[in-house]
Structures are given as structure tokens and as C-alpha cells.
Amino acid sequence: MSQPTDDHSTPARAPADAVEGIVPLIPMVLPIVGGVLIFLLAFIAVSMA
């Protein structure tokens, strides 16, 4: 007979949380996105004037 492929002796690891993966990047991403947003808003204001 064939052996079962599931090994229940080792505990299954929980999948990584998406929020925990993003949190360390916030100090770099937030100022960059803020700068891009300010540039886009200034471009819109100049083009409408």
C-alpha cells in the first residue's frame, strides 16, 4: 500500500498577515506618496488656472 503524503507530526505554519508585511514600509512609502500627491494637486491647480 502507498504511504500517506500528509505529515501530521509537524505543526502547520500560519500564513503571514498582509498588514504585518506592509507596516515596516510605511515610513518610506508615506512621504513618497505624499510628495506625489502634492505634485499632482499642484499640477491640477495650475492646469485649471
PDB file of N, CA and C in Angstrom:
ATOM      1  N   MET A   1       0.834  -1.177   0.000  1.00  0.00           N
ATOM      2  CA  MET A   1       0.000   0.000   0.000  1.00  0.00           C
ATOM      3  C   MET A   1       0.886   1.250   0.000  1.00  0.00           C
ATOM      4  N   SER A   2       0.325   2.330  -0.495  1.00  0.00           N
ATOM      5  CA  SER A   2       1.095   3.566  -0.552  1.00  0.00           C
ATOM      6  C   SER A   2       1.038   4.282   0.799  1.00  0.00           C
ATOM      7  N   GLN A   3       2.056   5.037   1.056  1.00  0.00           N
ATOM      8  CA  GLN A   3       2.147   5.801   2.293  1.00  0.00           C
ATOM      9  C   GLN A   3       1.399   7.122   2.130  1.00  0.00           C
ATOM     10  N   PRO A   4       0.725   7.591   3.164  1.00  0.00           N
ATOM     11  CA  PRO A   4       0.055   8.902   3.067  1.00  0.00           C
ATOM     12  C   PRO A   4       1.086  10.019   2.971  1.00  0.00           C
ATOM     13  N   THR A   5       0.759  11.032   2.199  1.00  0.00           N
ATOM     14  CA  THR A   5       1.709  12.135   1.990  1.00  0.00           C
ATOM     15  C   THR A   5       1.585  13.206   3.066  1.00  0.00           C
ATOM     16  N   ASP A   6       0.507  13.222   3.814  1.00  0.00           N
ATOM     17  CA  ASP A   6       0.337  14.241   4.853  1.00  0.00           C
ATOM     18  C   ASP A   6       1.131  13.848   6.088  1.00  0.00           C
ATOM     19  N   ASP A   7       1.964  14.773   6.551  1.00  0.00           N
ATOM     20  CA  ASP A   7       2.754  14.531   7.756  1.00  0.00           C
ATOM     21  C   ASP A   7       2.147  15.379   8.872  1.00  0.00           C
ATOM     22  N   HIS A   8       1.415  14.740   9.763  1.00  0.00           N
ATOM     23  CA  HIS A   8       0.736  15.476  10.829  1.00  0.00           C
ATOM     24  C   HIS A   8       1.612  15.658  12.056  1.00  0.00           C
ATOM     25  N   SER A   9       2.850  15.223  11.998  1.00  0.00           N
ATOM     26  CA  SER A   9       3.711  15.356  13.167  1.00  0.00           C
ATOM     27  C   SER A   9       4.286  16.764  13.284  1.00  0.00           C
ATOM     28  N   THR A  10       4.408  17.488  12.163  1.00  0.00           N
ATOM     29  CA  THR A  10       4.918  18.852  12.225  1.00  0.00           C
ATOM     30  C   THR A  10       3.751  19.826  12.204  1.00  0.00           C
ATOM     31  N   PRO A  11       3.769  20.832  13.059  1.00  0.00           N
ATOM     32  CA  PRO A  11       2.654  21.795  13.082  1.00  0.00           C
ATOM     33  C   PRO A  11       2.662  22.664  11.824  1.00  0.00           C
ATOM     34  N   ALA A  12       1.487  22.981  11.338  1.00  0.00           N
ATOM     35  CA  ALA A  12       1.355  23.824  10.150  1.00  0.00           C
ATOM     36  C   ALA A  12       1.612  25.275  10.543  1.00  0.00           C
ATOM     37  N   ARG A  13       2.350  25.980   9.692  1.00  0.00           N
ATOM     38  CA  ARG A  13       2.623  27.394   9.953  1.00  0.00           C
ATOM     39  C   ARG A  13       1.460  28.231   9.441  1.00  0.00           C
ATOM     40  N   ALA A  14       1.094  29.226  10.221  1.00  0.00           N
ATOM     41  CA  ALA A  14       0.013  30.124   9.817  1.00  0.00           C
ATOM     42  C   ALA A  14       0.521  31.034   8.700  1.00  0.00           C
ATOM     43  N   PRO A  15      -0.320  31.385   7.737  1.00  0.00           N
ATOM     44  CA  PRO A  15       0.132  32.297   6.677  1.00  0.00           C
ATOM     45  C   PRO A  15       0.439  33.673   7.251  1.00  0.00           C
ATOM     46  N   ALA A  16       1.396  34.347   6.637  1.00  0.00           N
ATOM     47  CA  ALA A  16       1.806  35.671   7.105  1.00  0.00           C
ATOM     48  C   ALA A  16       0.666  36.672   6.894  1.00  0.00           C
ATOM     49  N   ASP A  17       0.475  37.546   7.865  1.00  0.00           N
ATOM     50  CA  ASP A  17      -0.568  38.561   7.775  1.00  0.00           C
ATOM     51  C   ASP A  17      -0.117  39.658   6.810  1.00  0.00           C
ATOM     52  N   ALA A  18      -0.987  40.083   5.921  1.00  0.00           N
ATOM     53  CA  ALA A  18      -0.645  41.095   4.922  1.00  0.00           C
ATOM     54  C   ALA A  18      -0.317  42.434   5.580  1.00  0.00           C
ATOM     55  N   VAL A  19      -1.019  42.781   6.638  1.00  0.00           N
ATOM     56  CA  VAL A  19      -0.783  44.063   7.309  1.00  0.00           C
ATOM     57  C   VAL A  19       0.596  44.067   7.964  1.00  0.00           C
ATOM     58  N   GLU A  20       0.992  42.950   8.560  1.00  0.00           N
ATOM     59  CA  GLU A  20       2.303  42.879   9.201  1.00  0.00           C
ATOM     60  C   GLU A  20       3.427  42.982   8.182  1.00  0.00           C
ATOM     61  N   GLY A  21       3.187  42.611   6.958  1.00  0.00           N
ATOM     62  CA  GLY A  21       4.205  42.742   5.931  1.00  0.00           C
ATOM     63  C   GLY A  21       4.348  44.163   5.417  1.00  0.00           C
ATOM     64  N   ILE A  22       3.282  44.956   5.504  1.00  0.00           N
ATOM     65  CA  ILE A  22       3.301  46.317   4.964  1.00  0.00           C
ATOM     66  C   ILE A  22       3.779  47.339   6.001  1.00  0.00           C
ATOM     67  N   VAL A  23       3.528  47.084   7.271  1.00  0.00           N
ATOM     68  CA  VAL A  23       3.804  48.070   8.321  1.00  0.00           C
ATOM     69  C   VAL A  23       5.259  48.551   8.334  1.00  0.00           C
ATOM     70  N   PRO A  24       6.274  47.709   8.139  1.00  0.00           N
ATOM     71  CA  PRO A  24       7.651  48.241   8.144  1.00  0.00           C
ATOM     72  C   PRO A  24       7.950  49.190   6.985  1.00  0.00           C
ATOM     73  N   LEU A  25       7.164  49.158   5.923  1.00  0.00           N
ATOM     74  CA  LEU A  25       7.414  50.017   4.771  1.00  0.00           C
ATOM     75  C   LEU A  25       6.757  51.381   4.882  1.00  0.00           C
ATOM     76  N   ILE A  26       5.880  51.573   5.859  1.00  0.00           N
ATOM     77  CA  ILE A  26       5.120  52.822   5.964  1.00  0.00           C
ATOM     78  C   ILE A  26       6.018  54.057   6.094  1.00  0.00           C
ATOM     79  N   PRO A  27       7.088  54.053   6.902  1.00  0.00           N
ATOM     80  CA  PRO A  27       7.905  55.277   6.999  1.00  0.00           C
ATOM     81  C   PRO A  27       8.555  55.705   5.685  1.00  0.00           C
ATOM     82  N   MET A  28       8.772  54.790   4.751  1.00  0.00           N
ATOM     83  CA  MET A  28       9.342  55.175   3.452  1.00  0.00           C
ATOM     84  C   MET A  28       8.260  55.514   2.446  1.00  0.00           C
ATOM     85  N   VAL A  29       7.182  54.753   2.435  1.00  0.00           N
ATOM     86  CA  VAL A  29       6.159  54.907   1.407  1.00  0.00           C
ATOM     87  C   VAL A  29       5.306  56.148   1.640  1.00  0.00           C
ATOM     88  N   LEU A  30       4.989  56.452   2.878  1.00  0.00           N
ATOM     89  CA  LEU A  30       4.085  57.565   3.174  1.00  0.00           C
ATOM     90  C   LEU A  30       4.624  58.914   2.685  1.00  0.00           C
ATOM     91  N   PRO A  31       5.887  59.287   2.940  1.00  0.00           N
ATOM     92  CA  PRO A  31       6.370  60.567   2.401  1.00  0.00           C
ATOM     93  C   PRO A  31       6.447  60.596   0.883  1.00  0.00           C
ATOM     94  N   ILE A  32       6.776  59.463   0.264  1.00  0.00           N
ATOM     95  CA  ILE A  32       6.856  59.431  -1.197  1.00  0.00           C
ATOM     96  C   ILE A  32       5.476  59.633  -1.805  1.00  0.00           C
ATOM     97  N   VAL A  33       4.482  58.935  -1.275  1.00  0.00           N
ATOM     98  CA  VAL A  33       3.115  59.076  -1.781  1.00  0.00           C
ATOM     99  C   VAL A  33       2.597  60.489  -1.507  1.00  0.00           C
ATOM    100  N   GLY A  34       2.939  61.045  -0.363  1.00  0.00           N
ATOM    101  CA  GLY A  34       2.530  62.421  -0.064  1.00  0.00           C
ATOM    102  C   GLY A  34       3.122  63.414  -1.037  1.00  0.00           C
ATOM    103  N   GLY A  35       4.397  63.234  -1.382  1.00  0.00           N
ATOM    104  CA  GLY A  35       5.041  64.122  -2.351  1.00  0.00           C
ATOM    105  C   GLY A  35       4.413  64.014  -3.730  1.00  0.00           C
ATOM    106  N   VAL A  36       4.105  62.803  -4.149  1.00  0.00           N
ATOM    107  CA  VAL A  36       3.451  62.610  -5.447  1.00  0.00           C
ATOM    108  C   VAL A  36       2.063  63.236  -5.441  1.00  0.00           C
ATOM    109  N   LEU A  37       1.343  63.085  -4.347  1.00  0.00           N
ATOM    110  CA  LEU A  37       0.001  63.658  -4.253  1.00  0.00           C
ATOM    111  C   LEU A  37       0.044  65.182  -4.311  1.00  0.00           C
ATOM    112  N   ILE A  38       0.998  65.799  -3.613  1.00  0.00           N
ATOM    113  CA  ILE A  38       1.124  67.257  -3.649  1.00  0.00           C
ATOM    114  C   ILE A  38       1.463  67.718  -5.063  1.00  0.00           C
ATOM    115  N   PHE A  39       2.371  66.993  -5.737  1.00  0.00           N
ATOM    116  CA  PHE A  39       2.716  67.357  -7.115  1.00  0.00           C
ATOM    117  C   PHE A  39       1.505  67.268  -8.037  1.00  0.00           C
ATOM    118  N   LEU A  40       0.726  66.201  -7.907  1.00  0.00           N
ATOM    119  CA  LEU A  40      -0.447  66.051  -8.761  1.00  0.00           C
ATOM    120  C   LEU A  40      -1.488  67.130  -8.488  1.00  0.00           C
ATOM    121  N   LEU A  41      -1.709  67.454  -7.212  1.00  0.00           N
ATOM    122  CA  LEU A  41      -2.660  68.516  -6.893  1.00  0.00           C
ATOM    123  C   LEU A  41      -2.189  69.872  -7.413  1.00  0.00           C
ATOM    124  N   ALA A  42      -0.896  70.149  -7.321  1.00  0.00           N
ATOM    125  CA  ALA A  42      -0.372  71.412  -7.858  1.00  0.00           C
ATOM    126  C   ALA A  42      -0.499  71.442  -9.374  1.00  0.00           C
ATOM    127  N   PHE A  43      -0.262  70.313 -10.036  1.00  0.00           N
ATOM    128  CA  PHE A  43      -0.416  70.260 -11.485  1.00  0.00           C
ATOM    129  C   PHE A  43      -1.852  70.515 -11.902  1.00  0.00           C
ATOM    130  N   ILE A  44      -2.797  69.947 -11.172  1.00  0.00           N
ATOM    131  CA  ILE A  44      -4.215  70.162 -11.469  1.00  0.00           C
ATOM    132  C   ILE A  44      -4.580  71.627 -11.255  1.00  0.00           C
ATOM    133  N   ALA A  45      -4.075  72.219 -10.167  1.00  0.00           N
ATOM    134  CA  ALA A  45      -4.398  73.618  -9.883  1.00  0.00           C
ATOM    135  C   ALA A  45      -3.825  74.548 -10.958  1.00  0.00           C
ATOM    136  N   VAL A  46      -2.619  74.289 -11.420  1.00  0.00           N
ATOM    137  CA  VAL A  46      -2.002  75.138 -12.455  1.00  0.00           C
ATOM    138  C   VAL A  46      -2.715  74.961 -13.782  1.00  0.00           C
ATOM    139  N   SER A  47      -3.097  73.725 -14.099  1.00  0.00           N
ATOM    140  CA  SER A  47      -3.751  73.495 -15.389  1.00  0.00           C
ATOM    141  C   SER A  47      -5.169  74.076 -15.410  1.00  0.00           C
ATOM    142  N   MET A  48      -5.829  74.174 -14.263  1.00  0.00           N
ATOM    143  CA  MET A  48      -7.173  74.761 -14.235  1.00  0.00           C
ATOM    144  C   MET A  48      -7.124  76.295 -14.231  1.00  0.00           C
ATOM    145  N   ALA A  49      -6.025  76.870 -13.790  1.00  0.00           N
ATOM    146  CA  ALA A  49      -5.938  78.340 -13.698  1.00  0.00           C
ATOM    147  C   ALA A  49      -5.730  78.986 -15.066  1.00  0.00           C
TER     148      ALA A  49
END
